[in-house]
Amino acid sequence: MSAHLTAPEFSIVVAADQANGIGQGGKLPWRLPAEMAFFKRLTTQAAPGRRNAVIMGRKTYESIAPRFRPLSERFNMVLSRDPSYRPQGAFVVSSLAEALRELTQLETLDQLFCIGGGELYTTALAHPLCRRVYLTRVHADFDCDTRLAGFEEDFQLIAQDGPHTEGELSYTFETYQR
C-alpha cells in the first residue's frame, strides 16, 4: 500500500523571457548552462531514499538531447496521446491527471515537477495541486512561438535570486507560491 493516498502537490519549473516566451521551434531560444545546472539541482535533490519525478509532454521529452534521455536520477513521466509511444526509461500517460494518479503509487516519490511544454504548463497552472512556480526570468525578448500563460494573479512572488549574467544574457530566479 502506498504512503500517498491522494494526488501529490507539484511545482512547475520554467524559464521565460520578458514577454513570457518559453520556446521557438521546439527548442529553448537561449543557452544558459548555469540555469540548466540549477534545473538539474532543483529537480534531482530529494530526501534520502527517495526520488523526484518530472512530468513533460512528448515534444519536450524529444527536445532533450538523446544522450540525456531519460533525465537521470528522476522518474520521467511523458504525456502522449499516442498509446503506442514507448520511450525507453520513461513512463507514458495520456494526461496530467493520469500522471498524478500513477505517481501516487510510488512510495519513494519525494517531489514532483512539471517541466514543459506550453500545453502542460497551462493545464498544470490551472490545477489546484500546483503549489509553486520556479521561474527563471530571462531579461531579454526572443522570437518565441510558445508562451507561458499568465499565472501571477494566482501565485505570489516569495523569493528572488539575481540578476545573474551568463554571456550576453542576464536572468533572475523567481519562486512563486499559491
N, C-alpha and C. Protein backbone atom coordinates (compact mmCIF):
# COMPACT_ATOMS: atom_id res chain seq x y z
N MET A 1 0.84 -1.18 0.00
CA MET A 1 0.00 0.00 0.00
C MET A 1 0.88 1.24 0.00
N SER A 2 0.55 2.19 -0.84
CA SER A 2 1.33 3.41 -0.99
C SER A 2 1.15 4.33 0.21
N ALA A 3 2.21 5.06 0.53
CA ALA A 3 2.12 6.05 1.60
C ALA A 3 1.29 7.26 1.14
N HIS A 4 1.27 7.52 -0.16
CA HIS A 4 0.49 8.62 -0.71
C HIS A 4 -0.92 8.11 -1.00
N LEU A 5 -1.91 8.67 -0.32
CA LEU A 5 -3.27 8.25 -0.56
C LEU A 5 -4.00 9.19 -1.50
N THR A 6 -3.50 10.40 -1.63
CA THR A 6 -4.10 11.36 -2.54
C THR A 6 -3.03 11.85 -3.51
N ALA A 7 -3.46 12.50 -4.56
CA ALA A 7 -2.50 13.01 -5.55
C ALA A 7 -1.55 14.00 -4.87
N PRO A 8 -0.29 13.96 -5.25
CA PRO A 8 0.70 14.84 -4.62
C PRO A 8 0.63 16.27 -5.15
N GLU A 9 1.01 17.20 -4.29
CA GLU A 9 1.19 18.57 -4.75
C GLU A 9 2.38 18.58 -5.70
N PHE A 10 2.43 19.56 -6.58
CA PHE A 10 3.55 19.62 -7.52
C PHE A 10 3.92 21.05 -7.81
N SER A 11 5.08 21.21 -8.45
CA SER A 11 5.62 22.51 -8.84
C SER A 11 5.85 22.54 -10.33
N ILE A 12 6.01 23.73 -10.84
CA ILE A 12 6.37 23.94 -12.24
C ILE A 12 7.77 24.54 -12.27
N VAL A 13 8.59 24.09 -13.20
CA VAL A 13 9.91 24.67 -13.43
C VAL A 13 9.91 25.16 -14.86
N VAL A 14 10.22 26.46 -15.06
CA VAL A 14 10.14 27.03 -16.40
C VAL A 14 11.10 28.22 -16.50
N ALA A 15 11.61 28.44 -17.69
CA ALA A 15 12.37 29.65 -17.99
C ALA A 15 11.59 30.41 -19.05
N ALA A 16 11.48 31.73 -18.87
CA ALA A 16 10.71 32.54 -19.81
C ALA A 16 11.38 33.89 -20.01
N ASP A 17 11.22 34.43 -21.21
CA ASP A 17 11.76 35.76 -21.47
C ASP A 17 10.82 36.82 -20.88
N GLN A 18 11.10 38.08 -21.12
CA GLN A 18 10.32 39.17 -20.53
C GLN A 18 8.87 39.17 -20.99
N ALA A 19 8.58 38.58 -22.16
CA ALA A 19 7.22 38.52 -22.69
C ALA A 19 6.60 37.14 -22.47
N ASN A 20 7.14 36.37 -21.53
CA ASN A 20 6.68 35.01 -21.20
C ASN A 20 6.89 34.01 -22.34
N GLY A 21 7.82 34.30 -23.26
CA GLY A 21 8.18 33.33 -24.29
C GLY A 21 9.01 32.22 -23.67
N ILE A 22 8.66 30.96 -24.05
CA ILE A 22 9.39 29.82 -23.47
C ILE A 22 10.03 28.92 -24.52
N GLY A 23 9.69 29.11 -25.79
CA GLY A 23 10.27 28.23 -26.80
C GLY A 23 10.08 28.76 -28.20
N GLN A 24 10.95 28.27 -29.09
CA GLN A 24 10.88 28.61 -30.51
C GLN A 24 11.23 27.36 -31.29
N GLY A 25 10.29 26.89 -32.09
CA GLY A 25 10.54 25.71 -32.91
C GLY A 25 10.86 24.46 -32.10
N GLY A 26 10.26 24.34 -30.91
CA GLY A 26 10.51 23.16 -30.08
C GLY A 26 11.81 23.19 -29.32
N LYS A 27 12.47 24.33 -29.27
CA LYS A 27 13.75 24.44 -28.56
C LYS A 27 13.74 25.68 -27.67
N LEU A 28 14.64 25.69 -26.69
CA LEU A 28 14.84 26.89 -25.90
C LEU A 28 15.56 27.92 -26.78
N PRO A 29 15.14 29.17 -26.74
CA PRO A 29 15.78 30.18 -27.59
C PRO A 29 17.06 30.77 -27.00
N TRP A 30 17.52 30.25 -25.89
CA TRP A 30 18.75 30.73 -25.26
C TRP A 30 19.54 29.52 -24.78
N ARG A 31 20.81 29.78 -24.50
CA ARG A 31 21.67 28.73 -23.94
C ARG A 31 22.29 29.28 -22.67
N LEU A 32 21.86 28.74 -21.53
CA LEU A 32 22.33 29.20 -20.23
C LEU A 32 22.74 28.00 -19.38
N PRO A 33 24.00 27.56 -19.50
CA PRO A 33 24.43 26.37 -18.76
C PRO A 33 24.23 26.45 -17.24
N ALA A 34 24.43 27.61 -16.64
CA ALA A 34 24.25 27.71 -15.18
C ALA A 34 22.77 27.57 -14.82
N GLU A 35 21.89 28.02 -15.68
CA GLU A 35 20.45 27.87 -15.44
C GLU A 35 20.06 26.40 -15.57
N MET A 36 20.65 25.70 -16.53
CA MET A 36 20.38 24.27 -16.68
C MET A 36 20.91 23.49 -15.46
N ALA A 37 22.03 23.92 -14.91
CA ALA A 37 22.57 23.28 -13.70
C ALA A 37 21.61 23.50 -12.52
N PHE A 38 21.03 24.70 -12.44
CA PHE A 38 20.03 24.97 -11.40
C PHE A 38 18.83 24.04 -11.57
N PHE A 39 18.35 23.88 -12.81
CA PHE A 39 17.22 23.00 -13.10
C PHE A 39 17.53 21.57 -12.64
N LYS A 40 18.72 21.10 -12.97
CA LYS A 40 19.08 19.73 -12.58
C LYS A 40 19.14 19.59 -11.07
N ARG A 41 19.77 20.55 -10.39
CA ARG A 41 19.86 20.51 -8.92
C ARG A 41 18.46 20.51 -8.30
N LEU A 42 17.61 21.42 -8.75
CA LEU A 42 16.26 21.54 -8.20
C LEU A 42 15.46 20.25 -8.38
N THR A 43 15.54 19.67 -9.56
CA THR A 43 14.68 18.52 -9.86
C THR A 43 15.27 17.18 -9.42
N THR A 44 16.55 17.14 -9.02
CA THR A 44 17.13 15.88 -8.55
C THR A 44 17.27 15.80 -7.04
N GLN A 45 17.45 16.93 -6.35
CA GLN A 45 17.66 16.88 -4.90
C GLN A 45 16.40 16.35 -4.22
N ALA A 46 16.55 15.22 -3.54
CA ALA A 46 15.42 14.57 -2.89
C ALA A 46 15.86 14.07 -1.51
N ALA A 47 14.88 13.79 -0.69
CA ALA A 47 15.16 13.24 0.64
C ALA A 47 15.86 11.89 0.48
N PRO A 48 16.68 11.50 1.47
CA PRO A 48 17.38 10.21 1.39
C PRO A 48 16.40 9.05 1.14
N GLY A 49 16.77 8.19 0.20
CA GLY A 49 15.95 7.03 -0.12
C GLY A 49 14.75 7.35 -1.01
N ARG A 50 14.64 8.59 -1.44
CA ARG A 50 13.51 9.00 -2.29
C ARG A 50 14.03 9.56 -3.60
N ARG A 51 13.10 9.74 -4.54
CA ARG A 51 13.45 10.26 -5.85
C ARG A 51 12.33 11.20 -6.30
N ASN A 52 12.72 12.25 -7.01
CA ASN A 52 11.74 13.19 -7.58
C ASN A 52 11.23 12.66 -8.91
N ALA A 53 10.13 13.23 -9.36
CA ALA A 53 9.58 12.90 -10.68
C ALA A 53 9.46 14.17 -11.50
N VAL A 54 9.65 14.03 -12.82
CA VAL A 54 9.43 15.12 -13.76
C VAL A 54 8.35 14.66 -14.74
N ILE A 55 7.39 15.54 -14.98
CA ILE A 55 6.33 15.29 -15.95
C ILE A 55 6.56 16.25 -17.10
N MET A 56 6.50 15.72 -18.32
CA MET A 56 6.71 16.56 -19.50
C MET A 56 5.89 16.03 -20.66
N GLY A 57 5.62 16.91 -21.60
CA GLY A 57 4.96 16.49 -22.83
C GLY A 57 5.93 15.76 -23.74
N ARG A 58 5.38 15.06 -24.71
CA ARG A 58 6.20 14.28 -25.65
C ARG A 58 7.21 15.17 -26.38
N LYS A 59 6.77 16.32 -26.85
CA LYS A 59 7.68 17.20 -27.60
C LYS A 59 8.82 17.68 -26.72
N THR A 60 8.53 17.98 -25.47
CA THR A 60 9.59 18.38 -24.54
C THR A 60 10.57 17.24 -24.34
N TYR A 61 10.05 16.03 -24.13
CA TYR A 61 10.92 14.87 -23.96
C TYR A 61 11.83 14.69 -25.18
N GLU A 62 11.24 14.79 -26.36
CA GLU A 62 12.02 14.59 -27.58
C GLU A 62 12.99 15.74 -27.87
N SER A 63 12.75 16.91 -27.24
CA SER A 63 13.68 18.03 -27.44
C SER A 63 14.94 17.88 -26.59
N ILE A 64 14.93 16.97 -25.63
CA ILE A 64 16.10 16.71 -24.79
C ILE A 64 17.09 15.89 -25.63
N ALA A 65 18.35 16.28 -25.60
CA ALA A 65 19.36 15.54 -26.36
C ALA A 65 19.29 14.06 -25.99
N PRO A 66 19.32 13.17 -26.99
CA PRO A 66 19.18 11.73 -26.72
C PRO A 66 20.11 11.20 -25.62
N ARG A 67 21.31 11.73 -25.53
CA ARG A 67 22.25 11.22 -24.51
C ARG A 67 21.81 11.58 -23.09
N PHE A 68 20.86 12.52 -22.94
CA PHE A 68 20.37 12.91 -21.62
C PHE A 68 18.98 12.33 -21.31
N ARG A 69 18.43 11.54 -22.25
CA ARG A 69 17.10 10.95 -22.05
C ARG A 69 17.23 9.51 -21.58
N PRO A 70 16.42 9.10 -20.63
CA PRO A 70 15.57 9.93 -19.77
C PRO A 70 16.43 10.74 -18.81
N LEU A 71 15.86 11.78 -18.23
CA LEU A 71 16.62 12.59 -17.28
C LEU A 71 17.02 11.72 -16.09
N SER A 72 18.30 11.69 -15.80
CA SER A 72 18.83 10.79 -14.77
C SER A 72 18.36 11.17 -13.37
N GLU A 73 18.35 10.17 -12.50
CA GLU A 73 18.05 10.33 -11.08
C GLU A 73 16.64 10.83 -10.79
N ARG A 74 15.74 10.76 -11.79
CA ARG A 74 14.36 11.20 -11.62
C ARG A 74 13.44 10.22 -12.32
N PHE A 75 12.23 10.03 -11.78
CA PHE A 75 11.21 9.31 -12.52
C PHE A 75 10.79 10.22 -13.67
N ASN A 76 10.77 9.72 -14.90
CA ASN A 76 10.37 10.51 -16.06
C ASN A 76 8.97 10.06 -16.49
N MET A 77 8.03 11.00 -16.51
CA MET A 77 6.65 10.74 -16.92
C MET A 77 6.39 11.61 -18.15
N VAL A 78 6.06 10.95 -19.26
CA VAL A 78 5.85 11.66 -20.54
C VAL A 78 4.38 11.58 -20.91
N LEU A 79 3.80 12.72 -21.24
CA LEU A 79 2.41 12.77 -21.69
C LEU A 79 2.36 12.63 -23.20
N SER A 80 1.53 11.69 -23.67
CA SER A 80 1.36 11.49 -25.11
C SER A 80 -0.05 10.95 -25.36
N ARG A 81 -0.65 11.41 -26.45
CA ARG A 81 -1.96 10.88 -26.84
C ARG A 81 -1.82 9.60 -27.65
N ASP A 82 -0.59 9.25 -28.02
CA ASP A 82 -0.33 8.05 -28.82
C ASP A 82 -0.08 6.87 -27.89
N PRO A 83 -1.02 5.92 -27.80
CA PRO A 83 -0.85 4.80 -26.87
C PRO A 83 0.32 3.88 -27.22
N SER A 84 0.83 3.96 -28.45
CA SER A 84 1.95 3.11 -28.83
C SER A 84 3.31 3.77 -28.55
N TYR A 85 3.31 5.02 -28.10
CA TYR A 85 4.56 5.74 -27.82
C TYR A 85 5.19 5.14 -26.56
N ARG A 86 6.41 4.66 -26.68
CA ARG A 86 7.10 3.99 -25.58
C ARG A 86 8.58 4.39 -25.53
N PRO A 87 8.89 5.59 -25.04
CA PRO A 87 10.30 5.96 -24.93
C PRO A 87 10.98 5.15 -23.84
N GLN A 88 12.19 4.70 -24.12
CA GLN A 88 12.93 3.87 -23.19
C GLN A 88 13.23 4.64 -21.91
N GLY A 89 12.94 4.02 -20.77
CA GLY A 89 13.29 4.61 -19.48
C GLY A 89 12.29 5.61 -18.94
N ALA A 90 11.15 5.79 -19.61
CA ALA A 90 10.14 6.74 -19.16
C ALA A 90 8.78 6.07 -19.09
N PHE A 91 7.95 6.56 -18.20
CA PHE A 91 6.56 6.12 -18.12
C PHE A 91 5.76 7.00 -19.07
N VAL A 92 4.73 6.46 -19.70
CA VAL A 92 3.90 7.24 -20.62
C VAL A 92 2.47 7.21 -20.12
N VAL A 93 1.86 8.39 -20.07
CA VAL A 93 0.45 8.54 -19.69
C VAL A 93 -0.19 9.53 -20.66
N SER A 94 -1.51 9.61 -20.62
CA SER A 94 -2.20 10.46 -21.59
C SER A 94 -2.60 11.83 -21.05
N SER A 95 -2.46 12.06 -19.73
CA SER A 95 -2.89 13.35 -19.18
C SER A 95 -2.17 13.64 -17.86
N LEU A 96 -2.24 14.88 -17.44
CA LEU A 96 -1.67 15.26 -16.15
C LEU A 96 -2.40 14.52 -15.02
N ALA A 97 -3.72 14.42 -15.12
CA ALA A 97 -4.48 13.71 -14.09
C ALA A 97 -4.02 12.26 -13.97
N GLU A 98 -3.79 11.61 -15.10
CA GLU A 98 -3.32 10.22 -15.07
C GLU A 98 -1.91 10.15 -14.48
N ALA A 99 -1.06 11.11 -14.83
CA ALA A 99 0.30 11.13 -14.26
C ALA A 99 0.24 11.25 -12.75
N LEU A 100 -0.60 12.14 -12.24
CA LEU A 100 -0.71 12.31 -10.79
C LEU A 100 -1.23 11.03 -10.13
N ARG A 101 -2.21 10.37 -10.76
CA ARG A 101 -2.73 9.11 -10.21
C ARG A 101 -1.63 8.04 -10.16
N GLU A 102 -0.87 7.92 -11.24
CA GLU A 102 0.21 6.91 -11.29
C GLU A 102 1.29 7.21 -10.26
N LEU A 103 1.62 8.48 -10.12
CA LEU A 103 2.70 8.84 -9.19
C LEU A 103 2.32 8.62 -7.74
N THR A 104 1.04 8.61 -7.42
CA THR A 104 0.64 8.32 -6.04
C THR A 104 1.02 6.90 -5.65
N GLN A 105 1.26 6.04 -6.62
CA GLN A 105 1.63 4.65 -6.35
C GLN A 105 3.11 4.47 -6.02
N LEU A 106 3.91 5.50 -6.24
CA LEU A 106 5.35 5.40 -6.00
C LEU A 106 5.65 5.77 -4.54
N GLU A 107 5.96 4.78 -3.75
CA GLU A 107 6.21 5.02 -2.33
C GLU A 107 7.48 5.83 -2.09
N THR A 108 8.40 5.83 -3.05
CA THR A 108 9.66 6.55 -2.86
C THR A 108 9.63 7.95 -3.49
N LEU A 109 8.47 8.41 -3.93
CA LEU A 109 8.37 9.74 -4.55
C LEU A 109 8.60 10.83 -3.51
N ASP A 110 9.44 11.79 -3.84
CA ASP A 110 9.66 12.94 -2.97
C ASP A 110 8.91 14.14 -3.54
N GLN A 111 9.49 14.82 -4.54
CA GLN A 111 8.85 15.99 -5.13
C GLN A 111 8.50 15.72 -6.58
N LEU A 112 7.56 16.50 -7.07
CA LEU A 112 7.05 16.35 -8.43
C LEU A 112 7.12 17.68 -9.14
N PHE A 113 7.69 17.65 -10.37
CA PHE A 113 7.87 18.88 -11.15
C PHE A 113 7.31 18.71 -12.56
N CYS A 114 6.52 19.67 -13.02
CA CYS A 114 6.12 19.74 -14.43
C CYS A 114 7.15 20.61 -15.13
N ILE A 115 7.71 20.09 -16.24
CA ILE A 115 8.84 20.79 -16.87
C ILE A 115 8.56 21.18 -18.32
N GLY A 116 7.32 21.14 -18.77
CA GLY A 116 7.01 21.63 -20.11
C GLY A 116 6.34 20.59 -20.96
N GLY A 117 5.85 21.01 -22.04
CA GLY A 117 5.86 22.31 -22.66
C GLY A 117 4.62 23.15 -22.35
N GLY A 118 4.34 24.04 -23.30
CA GLY A 118 3.32 25.06 -23.12
C GLY A 118 1.96 24.52 -22.75
N GLU A 119 1.51 23.48 -23.41
CA GLU A 119 0.18 22.92 -23.12
C GLU A 119 0.13 22.33 -21.71
N LEU A 120 1.18 21.63 -21.31
CA LEU A 120 1.23 21.07 -19.96
C LEU A 120 1.28 22.19 -18.92
N TYR A 121 2.06 23.24 -19.17
CA TYR A 121 2.11 24.35 -18.23
C TYR A 121 0.73 24.96 -18.02
N THR A 122 -0.01 25.16 -19.10
CA THR A 122 -1.35 25.75 -18.99
C THR A 122 -2.25 24.88 -18.13
N THR A 123 -2.24 23.57 -18.37
CA THR A 123 -3.05 22.63 -17.59
C THR A 123 -2.59 22.61 -16.14
N ALA A 124 -1.28 22.57 -15.93
CA ALA A 124 -0.72 22.48 -14.57
C ALA A 124 -1.02 23.74 -13.76
N LEU A 125 -0.88 24.91 -14.36
CA LEU A 125 -1.12 26.15 -13.64
C LEU A 125 -2.57 26.26 -13.16
N ALA A 126 -3.50 25.66 -13.89
CA ALA A 126 -4.92 25.70 -13.51
C ALA A 126 -5.27 24.65 -12.46
N HIS A 127 -4.37 23.70 -12.23
CA HIS A 127 -4.65 22.59 -11.32
C HIS A 127 -4.50 23.04 -9.86
N PRO A 128 -5.45 22.70 -8.99
CA PRO A 128 -5.37 23.15 -7.60
C PRO A 128 -4.18 22.59 -6.81
N LEU A 129 -3.58 21.48 -7.26
CA LEU A 129 -2.43 20.92 -6.55
C LEU A 129 -1.10 21.53 -6.98
N CYS A 130 -1.13 22.43 -7.96
CA CYS A 130 0.09 23.15 -8.35
C CYS A 130 0.33 24.23 -7.31
N ARG A 131 1.39 24.06 -6.52
CA ARG A 131 1.64 24.97 -5.41
C ARG A 131 2.75 25.98 -5.65
N ARG A 132 3.72 25.63 -6.53
CA ARG A 132 4.86 26.53 -6.72
C ARG A 132 5.21 26.64 -8.19
N VAL A 133 5.78 27.79 -8.53
CA VAL A 133 6.34 28.01 -9.86
C VAL A 133 7.78 28.48 -9.64
N TYR A 134 8.72 27.71 -10.17
CA TYR A 134 10.12 28.12 -10.17
C TYR A 134 10.38 28.68 -11.57
N LEU A 135 10.46 30.01 -11.64
CA LEU A 135 10.58 30.70 -12.93
C LEU A 135 11.97 31.33 -13.03
N THR A 136 12.67 31.01 -14.11
CA THR A 136 13.89 31.74 -14.44
C THR A 136 13.47 32.80 -15.45
N ARG A 137 13.52 34.07 -15.02
CA ARG A 137 13.13 35.17 -15.89
C ARG A 137 14.36 35.64 -16.65
N VAL A 138 14.36 35.38 -17.96
CA VAL A 138 15.46 35.82 -18.82
C VAL A 138 15.16 37.26 -19.22
N HIS A 139 16.11 38.16 -18.93
CA HIS A 139 15.89 39.60 -19.15
C HIS A 139 16.22 39.99 -20.58
N ALA A 140 15.40 39.49 -21.50
CA ALA A 140 15.54 39.80 -22.93
C ALA A 140 14.25 39.36 -23.60
N ASP A 141 14.09 39.75 -24.85
CA ASP A 141 12.94 39.31 -25.63
C ASP A 141 13.44 38.46 -26.79
N PHE A 142 12.77 37.34 -27.01
CA PHE A 142 13.12 36.42 -28.09
C PHE A 142 11.90 36.22 -28.98
N ASP A 143 12.14 35.76 -30.18
CA ASP A 143 11.06 35.48 -31.12
C ASP A 143 10.52 34.08 -30.81
N CYS A 144 9.63 34.00 -29.82
CA CYS A 144 9.11 32.71 -29.36
C CYS A 144 7.76 32.40 -30.00
N ASP A 145 7.53 31.11 -30.25
CA ASP A 145 6.23 30.69 -30.75
C ASP A 145 5.42 29.96 -29.67
N THR A 146 6.01 29.78 -28.49
CA THR A 146 5.32 29.17 -27.36
C THR A 146 5.49 30.10 -26.16
N ARG A 147 4.38 30.32 -25.46
CA ARG A 147 4.40 31.26 -24.33
C ARG A 147 3.80 30.61 -23.09
N LEU A 148 4.25 31.11 -21.96
CA LEU A 148 3.71 30.70 -20.67
C LEU A 148 2.48 31.55 -20.39
N ALA A 149 1.37 30.90 -20.06
CA ALA A 149 0.15 31.63 -19.70
C ALA A 149 0.41 32.43 -18.43
N GLY A 150 -0.28 33.56 -18.30
CA GLY A 150 -0.14 34.36 -17.09
C GLY A 150 -0.55 33.58 -15.86
N PHE A 151 0.18 33.72 -14.78
CA PHE A 151 -0.12 32.98 -13.55
C PHE A 151 0.00 33.87 -12.32
N GLU A 152 0.54 35.08 -12.47
CA GLU A 152 0.86 35.93 -11.34
C GLU A 152 -0.37 36.29 -10.50
N GLU A 153 -1.56 36.22 -11.09
CA GLU A 153 -2.79 36.54 -10.35
C GLU A 153 -3.05 35.50 -9.25
N ASP A 154 -2.71 34.24 -9.52
CA ASP A 154 -2.98 33.15 -8.57
C ASP A 154 -1.79 32.80 -7.69
N PHE A 155 -0.62 33.33 -7.99
CA PHE A 155 0.60 32.98 -7.26
C PHE A 155 1.26 34.26 -6.77
N GLN A 156 1.95 34.15 -5.64
CA GLN A 156 2.63 35.30 -5.05
C GLN A 156 4.14 35.06 -5.10
N LEU A 157 4.88 36.09 -5.50
CA LEU A 157 6.34 36.02 -5.51
C LEU A 157 6.83 35.92 -4.07
N ILE A 158 7.61 34.86 -3.77
CA ILE A 158 8.10 34.68 -2.40
C ILE A 158 9.62 34.74 -2.30
N ALA A 159 10.33 34.61 -3.44
CA ALA A 159 11.79 34.67 -3.40
C ALA A 159 12.34 35.06 -4.76
N GLN A 160 13.46 35.78 -4.73
CA GLN A 160 14.18 36.16 -5.95
C GLN A 160 15.67 36.00 -5.70
N ASP A 161 16.39 35.59 -6.73
CA ASP A 161 17.84 35.45 -6.66
C ASP A 161 18.40 35.93 -7.98
N GLY A 162 19.11 37.04 -7.94
CA GLY A 162 19.69 37.57 -9.17
C GLY A 162 19.59 39.08 -9.20
N PRO A 163 19.93 39.67 -10.32
CA PRO A 163 20.19 39.00 -11.60
C PRO A 163 21.57 38.36 -11.67
N HIS A 164 21.63 37.29 -12.47
CA HIS A 164 22.86 36.60 -12.80
C HIS A 164 23.15 36.89 -14.26
N THR A 165 24.41 36.84 -14.62
CA THR A 165 24.77 37.10 -16.01
C THR A 165 25.56 35.93 -16.56
N GLU A 166 25.20 35.55 -17.78
CA GLU A 166 25.90 34.48 -18.49
C GLU A 166 26.02 34.95 -19.93
N GLY A 167 27.27 35.18 -20.36
CA GLY A 167 27.46 35.71 -21.71
C GLY A 167 26.80 37.07 -21.82
N GLU A 168 25.95 37.23 -22.83
CA GLU A 168 25.25 38.50 -23.07
C GLU A 168 23.93 38.59 -22.32
N LEU A 169 23.50 37.50 -21.67
CA LEU A 169 22.17 37.46 -21.06
C LEU A 169 22.24 37.56 -19.55
N SER A 170 21.21 38.21 -19.00
CA SER A 170 21.04 38.19 -17.55
C SER A 170 19.69 37.54 -17.24
N TYR A 171 19.57 36.97 -16.05
CA TYR A 171 18.35 36.28 -15.66
C TYR A 171 18.25 36.29 -14.15
N THR A 172 17.03 36.11 -13.66
CA THR A 172 16.74 36.08 -12.23
C THR A 172 15.91 34.85 -11.93
N PHE A 173 16.28 34.14 -10.86
CA PHE A 173 15.49 33.02 -10.39
C PHE A 173 14.38 33.56 -9.51
N GLU A 174 13.14 33.23 -9.82
CA GLU A 174 11.98 33.69 -9.05
C GLU A 174 11.17 32.48 -8.59
N THR A 175 10.70 32.53 -7.36
CA THR A 175 9.84 31.47 -6.84
C THR A 175 8.50 32.07 -6.45
N TYR A 176 7.45 31.46 -6.97
CA TYR A 176 6.08 31.89 -6.69
C TYR A 176 5.36 30.77 -5.96
N GLN A 177 4.42 31.13 -5.10
CA GLN A 177 3.66 30.14 -4.36
C GLN A 177 2.18 30.50 -4.37
N ARG A 178 1.34 29.45 -4.45
CA ARG A 178 -0.11 29.65 -4.39
C ARG A 178 -0.54 29.62 -2.94
